Amino acid sequence: MGRRKKANKPPPKRKIIEKLDSVFNCPFCNHEKSCEVKMDRQRNTGYVTCRVCLEDFQTSIN
């Protein structure tokens, strides 16, 4: 008697990675889509700047 044939499983489906938004509503002046986000991975810092009220925020990122 021979062995059973091995059933090959299909390869797992890759998850679709969605890009994060880079334009947001400003938390200071509540203007729509006025804040831009820039991430500097070499320095591990993130920058948020508003084009309307000229507020900015900087923090460390992972």
PDB file of N, CA and C in Angstrom:
ATOM      1  N   MET A   1       0.835  -1.181   0.000  1.00  0.00           N
ATOM      2  CA  MET A   1       0.000   0.000   0.000  1.00  0.00           C
ATOM      3  C   MET A   1       0.878   1.242   0.000  1.00  0.00           C
ATOM      4  N   GLY A   2       0.474   2.213  -0.766  1.00  0.00           N
ATOM      5  CA  GLY A   2       1.235   3.448  -0.863  1.00  0.00           C
ATOM      6  C   GLY A   2       0.719   4.503   0.115  1.00  0.00           C
ATOM      7  N   ARG A   3       1.480   5.549   0.236  1.00  0.00           N
ATOM      8  CA  ARG A   3       1.072   6.653   1.110  1.00  0.00           C
ATOM      9  C   ARG A   3       0.027   7.507   0.412  1.00  0.00           C
ATOM     10  N   ARG A   4      -0.668   8.295   1.227  1.00  0.00           N
ATOM     11  CA  ARG A   4      -1.635   9.229   0.661  1.00  0.00           C
ATOM     12  C   ARG A   4      -0.900  10.393   0.020  1.00  0.00           C
ATOM     13  N   LYS A   5      -1.495  10.938  -1.003  1.00  0.00           N
ATOM     14  CA  LYS A   5      -0.887  12.095  -1.659  1.00  0.00           C
ATOM     15  C   LYS A   5      -1.045  13.319  -0.772  1.00  0.00           C
ATOM     16  N   LYS A   6       0.007  14.093  -0.708  1.00  0.00           N
ATOM     17  CA  LYS A   6      -0.008  15.311   0.106  1.00  0.00           C
ATOM     18  C   LYS A   6      -0.767  16.397  -0.647  1.00  0.00           C
ATOM     19  N   ALA A   7      -1.743  17.008   0.039  1.00  0.00           N
ATOM     20  CA  ALA A   7      -2.504  18.105  -0.564  1.00  0.00           C
ATOM     21  C   ALA A   7      -1.753  19.404  -0.294  1.00  0.00           C
ATOM     22  N   ASN A   8      -1.351  20.087  -1.346  1.00  0.00           N
ATOM     23  CA  ASN A   8      -0.630  21.350  -1.180  1.00  0.00           C
ATOM     24  C   ASN A   8      -1.600  22.457  -0.809  1.00  0.00           C
ATOM     25  N   LYS A   9      -1.248  23.201   0.236  1.00  0.00           N
ATOM     26  CA  LYS A   9      -2.063  24.340   0.635  1.00  0.00           C
ATOM     27  C   LYS A   9      -1.726  25.518  -0.262  1.00  0.00           C
ATOM     28  N   PRO A  10      -2.721  26.339  -0.570  1.00  0.00           N
ATOM     29  CA  PRO A  10      -2.407  27.545  -1.352  1.00  0.00           C
ATOM     30  C   PRO A  10      -1.592  28.510  -0.494  1.00  0.00           C
ATOM     31  N   PRO A  11      -0.732  29.317  -1.109  1.00  0.00           N
ATOM     32  CA  PRO A  11       0.068  30.262  -0.318  1.00  0.00           C
ATOM     33  C   PRO A  11      -0.836  31.274   0.377  1.00  0.00           C
ATOM     34  N   PRO A  12      -0.437  31.727   1.576  1.00  0.00           N
ATOM     35  CA  PRO A  12      -1.280  32.693   2.293  1.00  0.00           C
ATOM     36  C   PRO A  12      -1.373  34.011   1.535  1.00  0.00           C
ATOM     37  N   LYS A  13      -2.549  34.640   1.630  1.00  0.00           N
ATOM     38  CA  LYS A  13      -2.755  35.910   0.948  1.00  0.00           C
ATOM     39  C   LYS A  13      -2.053  37.017   1.710  1.00  0.00           C
ATOM     40  N   ARG A  14      -1.441  37.922   0.985  1.00  0.00           N
ATOM     41  CA  ARG A  14      -0.766  39.055   1.611  1.00  0.00           C
ATOM     42  C   ARG A  14      -1.785  40.089   2.039  1.00  0.00           C
ATOM     43  N   LYS A  15      -1.546  40.666   3.213  1.00  0.00           N
ATOM     44  CA  LYS A  15      -2.416  41.737   3.676  1.00  0.00           C
ATOM     45  C   LYS A  15      -2.060  43.011   2.927  1.00  0.00           C
ATOM     46  N   ILE A  16      -3.078  43.732   2.538  1.00  0.00           N
ATOM     47  CA  ILE A  16      -2.859  44.990   1.835  1.00  0.00           C
ATOM     48  C   ILE A  16      -2.533  46.060   2.868  1.00  0.00           C
ATOM     49  N   ILE A  17      -1.378  46.667   2.727  1.00  0.00           N
ATOM     50  CA  ILE A  17      -0.952  47.710   3.649  1.00  0.00           C
ATOM     51  C   ILE A  17      -1.421  49.049   3.096  1.00  0.00           C
ATOM     52  N   GLU A  18      -2.289  49.699   3.864  1.00  0.00           N
ATOM     53  CA  GLU A  18      -2.800  50.993   3.435  1.00  0.00           C
ATOM     54  C   GLU A  18      -1.886  52.090   3.942  1.00  0.00           C
ATOM     55  N   LYS A  19      -1.642  53.078   3.104  1.00  0.00           N
ATOM     56  CA  LYS A  19      -0.809  54.198   3.520  1.00  0.00           C
ATOM     57  C   LYS A  19      -1.578  55.074   4.497  1.00  0.00           C
ATOM     58  N   LEU A  20      -0.853  55.620   5.450  1.00  0.00           N
ATOM     59  CA  LEU A  20      -1.467  56.512   6.419  1.00  0.00           C
ATOM     60  C   LEU A  20      -1.718  57.873   5.790  1.00  0.00           C
ATOM     61  N   ASP A  21      -2.737  58.548   6.276  1.00  0.00           N
ATOM     62  CA  ASP A  21      -3.027  59.893   5.796  1.00  0.00           C
ATOM     63  C   ASP A  21      -1.892  60.833   6.185  1.00  0.00           C
ATOM     64  N   SER A  22      -1.614  61.797   5.343  1.00  0.00           N
ATOM     65  CA  SER A  22      -0.574  62.779   5.655  1.00  0.00           C
ATOM     66  C   SER A  22      -1.151  64.184   5.798  1.00  0.00           C
ATOM     67  N   VAL A  23      -2.473  64.339   5.603  1.00  0.00           N
ATOM     68  CA  VAL A  23      -3.135  65.634   5.750  1.00  0.00           C
ATOM     69  C   VAL A  23      -4.319  65.447   6.700  1.00  0.00           C
ATOM     70  N   PHE A  24      -4.380  66.300   7.729  1.00  0.00           N
ATOM     71  CA  PHE A  24      -5.408  66.176   8.756  1.00  0.00           C
ATOM     72  C   PHE A  24      -6.082  67.514   9.018  1.00  0.00           C
ATOM     73  N   ASN A  25      -7.178  67.458   9.785  1.00  0.00           N
ATOM     74  CA  ASN A  25      -7.812  68.672  10.288  1.00  0.00           C
ATOM     75  C   ASN A  25      -6.957  69.214  11.429  1.00  0.00           C
ATOM     76  N   CYS A  26      -6.847  70.523  11.517  1.00  0.00           N
ATOM     77  CA  CYS A  26      -6.006  71.144  12.538  1.00  0.00           C
ATOM     78  C   CYS A  26      -6.710  71.091  13.897  1.00  0.00           C
ATOM     79  N   PRO A  27      -6.034  70.578  14.943  1.00  0.00           N
ATOM     80  CA  PRO A  27      -6.658  70.560  16.273  1.00  0.00           C
ATOM     81  C   PRO A  27      -6.674  71.934  16.931  1.00  0.00           C
ATOM     82  N   PHE A  28      -5.902  72.886  16.425  1.00  0.00           N
ATOM     83  CA  PHE A  28      -5.834  74.217  17.024  1.00  0.00           C
ATOM     84  C   PHE A  28      -6.880  75.153  16.434  1.00  0.00           C
ATOM     85  N   CYS A  29      -6.941  75.234  15.088  1.00  0.00           N
ATOM     86  CA  CYS A  29      -7.877  76.166  14.447  1.00  0.00           C
ATOM     87  C   CYS A  29      -9.083  75.462  13.816  1.00  0.00           C
ATOM     88  N   ASN A  30      -9.130  74.128  13.864  1.00  0.00           N
ATOM     89  CA  ASN A  30     -10.229  73.314  13.314  1.00  0.00           C
ATOM     90  C   ASN A  30     -10.448  73.527  11.823  1.00  0.00           C
ATOM     91  N   HIS A  31      -9.433  73.938  11.118  1.00  0.00           N
ATOM     92  CA  HIS A  31      -9.535  74.099   9.666  1.00  0.00           C
ATOM     93  C   HIS A  31      -9.354  72.727   9.028  1.00  0.00           C
ATOM     94  N   GLU A  32     -10.150  72.422   8.002  1.00  0.00           N
ATOM     95  CA  GLU A  32     -10.116  71.099   7.397  1.00  0.00           C
ATOM     96  C   GLU A  32      -8.903  70.919   6.498  1.00  0.00           C
ATOM     97  N   LYS A  33      -8.260  69.793   6.639  1.00  0.00           N
ATOM     98  CA  LYS A  33      -7.137  69.358   5.797  1.00  0.00           C
ATOM     99  C   LYS A  33      -6.060  70.428   5.659  1.00  0.00           C
ATOM    100  N   SER A  34      -5.658  70.977   6.780  1.00  0.00           N
ATOM    101  CA  SER A  34      -4.639  72.026   6.744  1.00  0.00           C
ATOM    102  C   SER A  34      -3.337  71.602   7.411  1.00  0.00           C
ATOM    103  N   CYS A  35      -3.328  70.487   8.129  1.00  0.00           N
ATOM    104  CA  CYS A  35      -2.114  70.029   8.816  1.00  0.00           C
ATOM    105  C   CYS A  35      -1.422  68.965   7.980  1.00  0.00           C
ATOM    106  N   GLU A  36      -0.133  69.156   7.769  1.00  0.00           N
ATOM    107  CA  GLU A  36       0.679  68.184   7.051  1.00  0.00           C
ATOM    108  C   GLU A  36       1.596  67.482   8.033  1.00  0.00           C
ATOM    109  N   VAL A  37       1.830  66.201   7.794  1.00  0.00           N
ATOM    110  CA  VAL A  37       2.680  65.396   8.663  1.00  0.00           C
ATOM    111  C   VAL A  37       3.905  64.971   7.875  1.00  0.00           C
ATOM    112  N   LYS A  38       5.068  65.147   8.478  1.00  0.00           N
ATOM    113  CA  LYS A  38       6.316  64.675   7.888  1.00  0.00           C
ATOM    114  C   LYS A  38       7.045  63.859   8.940  1.00  0.00           C
ATOM    115  N   MET A  39       7.523  62.669   8.539  1.00  0.00           N
ATOM    116  CA  MET A  39       8.248  61.805   9.462  1.00  0.00           C
ATOM    117  C   MET A  39       9.683  61.655   8.987  1.00  0.00           C
ATOM    118  N   ASP A  40      10.617  61.982   9.849  1.00  0.00           N
ATOM    119  CA  ASP A  40      12.035  61.839   9.562  1.00  0.00           C
ATOM    120  C   ASP A  40      12.526  60.600  10.306  1.00  0.00           C
ATOM    121  N   ARG A  41      12.628  59.487   9.586  1.00  0.00           N
ATOM    122  CA  ARG A  41      12.973  58.219  10.228  1.00  0.00           C
ATOM    123  C   ARG A  41      14.435  58.165  10.657  1.00  0.00           C
ATOM    124  N   GLN A  42      15.306  58.921  10.012  1.00  0.00           N
ATOM    125  CA  GLN A  42      16.714  58.933  10.414  1.00  0.00           C
ATOM    126  C   GLN A  42      16.890  59.578  11.778  1.00  0.00           C
ATOM    127  N   ARG A  43      16.115  60.623  12.048  1.00  0.00           N
ATOM    128  CA  ARG A  43      16.206  61.328  13.332  1.00  0.00           C
ATOM    129  C   ARG A  43      15.133  60.879  14.319  1.00  0.00           C
ATOM    130  N   ASN A  44      14.236  59.969  13.891  1.00  0.00           N
ATOM    131  CA  ASN A  44      13.130  59.464  14.712  1.00  0.00           C
ATOM    132  C   ASN A  44      12.256  60.592  15.256  1.00  0.00           C
ATOM    133  N   THR A  45      11.907  61.535  14.396  1.00  0.00           N
ATOM    134  CA  THR A  45      11.029  62.627  14.800  1.00  0.00           C
ATOM    135  C   THR A  45       9.906  62.787  13.775  1.00  0.00           C
ATOM    136  N   GLY A  46       8.758  63.222  14.264  1.00  0.00           N
ATOM    137  CA  GLY A  46       7.620  63.518  13.411  1.00  0.00           C
ATOM    138  C   GLY A  46       7.242  64.977  13.558  1.00  0.00           C
ATOM    139  N   TYR A  47       6.893  65.616  12.448  1.00  0.00           N
ATOM    140  CA  TYR A  47       6.545  67.036  12.435  1.00  0.00           C
ATOM    141  C   TYR A  47       5.122  67.200  11.918  1.00  0.00           C
ATOM    142  N   VAL A  48       4.324  68.006  12.615  1.00  0.00           N
ATOM    143  CA  VAL A  48       2.981  68.361  12.165  1.00  0.00           C
ATOM    144  C   VAL A  48       2.937  69.873  12.066  1.00  0.00           C
ATOM    145  N   THR A  49       2.573  70.395  10.897  1.00  0.00           N
ATOM    146  CA  THR A  49       2.485  71.840  10.711  1.00  0.00           C
ATOM    147  C   THR A  49       1.146  72.190  10.074  1.00  0.00           C
ATOM    148  N   CYS A  50       0.572  73.309  10.524  1.00  0.00           N
ATOM    149  CA  CYS A  50      -0.687  73.807   9.972  1.00  0.00           C
ATOM    150  C   CYS A  50      -0.372  74.952   9.013  1.00  0.00           C
ATOM    151  N   ARG A  51      -0.981  74.903   7.828  1.00  0.00           N
ATOM    152  CA  ARG A  51      -0.743  75.945   6.832  1.00  0.00           C
ATOM    153  C   ARG A  51      -1.573  77.192   7.088  1.00  0.00           C
ATOM    154  N   VAL A  52      -2.615  77.090   7.909  1.00  0.00           N
ATOM    155  CA  VAL A  52      -3.506  78.225   8.145  1.00  0.00           C
ATOM    156  C   VAL A  52      -3.053  79.028   9.359  1.00  0.00           C
ATOM    157  N   CYS A  53      -2.950  78.359  10.516  1.00  0.00           N
ATOM    158  CA  CYS A  53      -2.619  79.088  11.745  1.00  0.00           C
ATOM    159  C   CYS A  53      -1.130  79.016  12.079  1.00  0.00           C
ATOM    160  N   LEU A  54      -0.338  78.327  11.262  1.00  0.00           N
ATOM    161  CA  LEU A  54       1.119  78.227  11.394  1.00  0.00           C
ATOM    162  C   LEU A  54       1.569  77.599  12.714  1.00  0.00           C
ATOM    163  N   GLU A  55       0.701  76.805  13.345  1.00  0.00           N
ATOM    164  CA  GLU A  55       1.101  76.050  14.531  1.00  0.00           C
ATOM    165  C   GLU A  55       1.908  74.844  14.070  1.00  0.00           C
ATOM    166  N   ASP A  56       2.844  74.413  14.919  1.00  0.00           N
ATOM    167  CA  ASP A  56       3.602  73.213  14.603  1.00  0.00           C
ATOM    168  C   ASP A  56       3.811  72.400  15.869  1.00  0.00           C
ATOM    169  N   PHE A  57       4.054  71.099  15.669  1.00  0.00           N
ATOM    170  CA  PHE A  57       4.245  70.169  16.769  1.00  0.00           C
ATOM    171  C   PHE A  57       5.296  69.171  16.331  1.00  0.00           C
ATOM    172  N   GLN A  58       6.151  68.771  17.269  1.00  0.00           N
ATOM    173  CA  GLN A  58       7.227  67.834  16.969  1.00  0.00           C
ATOM    174  C   GLN A  58       7.285  66.813  18.090  1.00  0.00           C
ATOM    175  N   THR A  59       7.453  65.531  17.731  1.00  0.00           N
ATOM    176  CA  THR A  59       7.548  64.474  18.729  1.00  0.00           C
ATOM    177  C   THR A  59       8.416  63.345  18.195  1.00  0.00           C
ATOM    178  N   SER A  60       8.840  62.468  19.089  1.00  0.00           N
ATOM    179  CA  SER A  60       9.643  61.324  18.667  1.00  0.00           C
ATOM    180  C   SER A  60       8.717  60.224  18.159  1.00  0.00           C
ATOM    181  N   ILE A  61       9.211  59.448  17.197  1.00  0.00           N
ATOM    182  CA  ILE A  61       8.436  58.350  16.628  1.00  0.00           C
ATOM    183  C   ILE A  61       9.216  57.068  16.813  1.00  0.00           C
ATOM    184  N   ASN A  62       8.524  55.949  16.641  1.00  0.00           N
ATOM    185  CA  ASN A  62       9.174  54.636  16.761  1.00  0.00           C
ATOM    186  C   ASN A  62       9.684  54.189  15.419  1.00  0.00           C
TER     187      ASN A  62
END
